[in-house]
Amino acid sequence: MKLMELTVTQIGNSRGIRLPAAMLKKYGITDTILLEERPDEIVLKTKKDKKFSWKETFADMARAKEDWSDLDAAVADGLDEH
């Protein structure tokens, strides 16, 4: 993995970074990207990379420490029958 330092610059009323043209071409980035915020990092992905898998979903839930314990109560109330 290559580490690259980018400068945060003023863009209108916002601040942003500029990605090198070679990187945009390499990953096929044209107009939009997906940003995933994690507890200790920010991940940029192209839209074609946005595939859900159970493994990634469970890992994301574990990182977020999601609590699904109330789901059992909803199932017990008959909400799963429809």
Protein backbone atom coordinates (compact mmCIF):
# COMPACT_ATOMS: atom_id res chain seq x y z
CA MET A 1 0.00 0.00 0.00
CA LYS A 2 1.37 3.36 -1.02
CA LEU A 3 1.16 6.22 1.49
CA MET A 4 0.51 9.64 0.00
CA GLU A 5 0.27 12.99 1.78
CA LEU A 6 -2.40 15.32 0.38
CA THR A 7 -3.00 18.94 1.35
CA VAL A 8 -6.44 20.04 2.52
CA THR A 9 -7.33 23.16 0.51
CA GLN A 10 -10.10 25.73 0.40
CA ILE A 11 -12.72 24.88 -2.25
CA GLY A 12 -15.46 27.53 -2.21
CA ASN A 13 -16.98 27.56 1.27
CA SER A 14 -15.71 24.04 1.93
CA ARG A 15 -12.37 22.33 2.33
CA GLY A 16 -11.23 19.33 0.36
CA ILE A 17 -8.41 17.36 -1.13
CA ARG A 18 -7.34 16.95 -4.75
CA LEU A 19 -6.63 13.46 -6.03
CA PRO A 20 -3.85 13.09 -8.61
CA ALA A 21 -5.04 12.55 -12.19
CA ALA A 22 -3.12 9.27 -12.45
CA MET A 23 -4.99 7.92 -9.42
CA LEU A 24 -8.36 8.98 -10.84
CA LYS A 25 -7.54 7.20 -14.09
CA LYS A 26 -6.18 4.09 -12.36
CA TYR A 27 -9.38 3.57 -10.38
CA GLY A 28 -11.80 4.81 -13.04
CA ILE A 29 -13.08 7.70 -10.94
CA THR A 30 -15.04 10.13 -13.09
CA ASP A 31 -17.68 12.03 -11.15
CA THR A 32 -18.52 10.41 -7.81
CA ILE A 33 -16.94 8.21 -5.16
CA LEU A 34 -18.22 6.59 -2.00
CA LEU A 35 -16.78 7.64 1.35
CA GLU A 36 -16.94 5.17 4.22
CA GLU A 37 -16.25 6.52 7.69
CA ARG A 38 -14.77 3.99 10.09
CA PRO A 39 -13.72 4.53 13.71
CA ASP A 40 -10.07 5.00 12.84
CA GLU A 41 -9.99 5.74 9.11
CA ILE A 42 -11.76 7.13 6.07
CA VAL A 43 -12.06 4.84 3.04
CA LEU A 44 -12.76 6.08 -0.49
CA LYS A 45 -14.33 3.60 -2.92
CA THR A 46 -15.56 3.71 -6.47
CA LYS A 47 -19.23 2.90 -6.93
CA LYS A 48 -18.39 -0.37 -8.64
CA ASP A 49 -16.67 -1.49 -5.42
CA LYS A 50 -19.88 -1.10 -3.41
CA LYS A 51 -20.78 -4.75 -2.95
CA PHE A 52 -22.27 -6.02 0.26
CA SER A 53 -21.10 -9.29 1.75
CA TRP A 54 -22.13 -10.90 5.01
CA LYS A 55 -18.52 -10.94 6.16
CA GLU A 56 -18.11 -7.17 5.62
CA THR A 57 -21.55 -6.46 7.08
CA PHE A 58 -20.80 -8.39 10.28
CA ALA A 59 -17.37 -6.74 10.54
CA ASP A 60 -18.96 -3.29 10.17
CA MET A 61 -21.58 -4.14 12.80
CA ALA A 62 -18.88 -5.34 15.20
CA ARG A 63 -16.84 -2.17 14.65
CA ALA A 64 -19.93 -0.05 15.31
CA LYS A 65 -20.85 -2.20 18.33
CA GLU A 66 -24.44 -2.37 17.06
CA ASP A 67 -26.98 -3.81 19.47
CA TRP A 68 -29.65 -5.95 17.81
CA SER A 69 -30.95 -7.52 21.02
CA ASP A 70 -34.33 -5.81 20.61
CA LEU A 71 -34.85 -7.69 17.32
CA ASP A 72 -35.81 -10.82 19.27
CA ALA A 73 -38.67 -8.88 20.89
CA ALA A 74 -39.98 -7.76 17.48
CA VAL A 75 -39.93 -11.34 16.16
CA ALA A 76 -41.68 -12.56 19.29
CA ASP A 77 -44.42 -9.98 18.72
CA GLY A 78 -45.23 -11.57 15.36
CA LEU A 79 -43.61 -8.96 13.14
CA ASP A 80 -41.83 -11.67 11.14
CA GLU A 81 -45.11 -13.24 9.93
CA HIS A 82 -45.79 -10.65 7.19
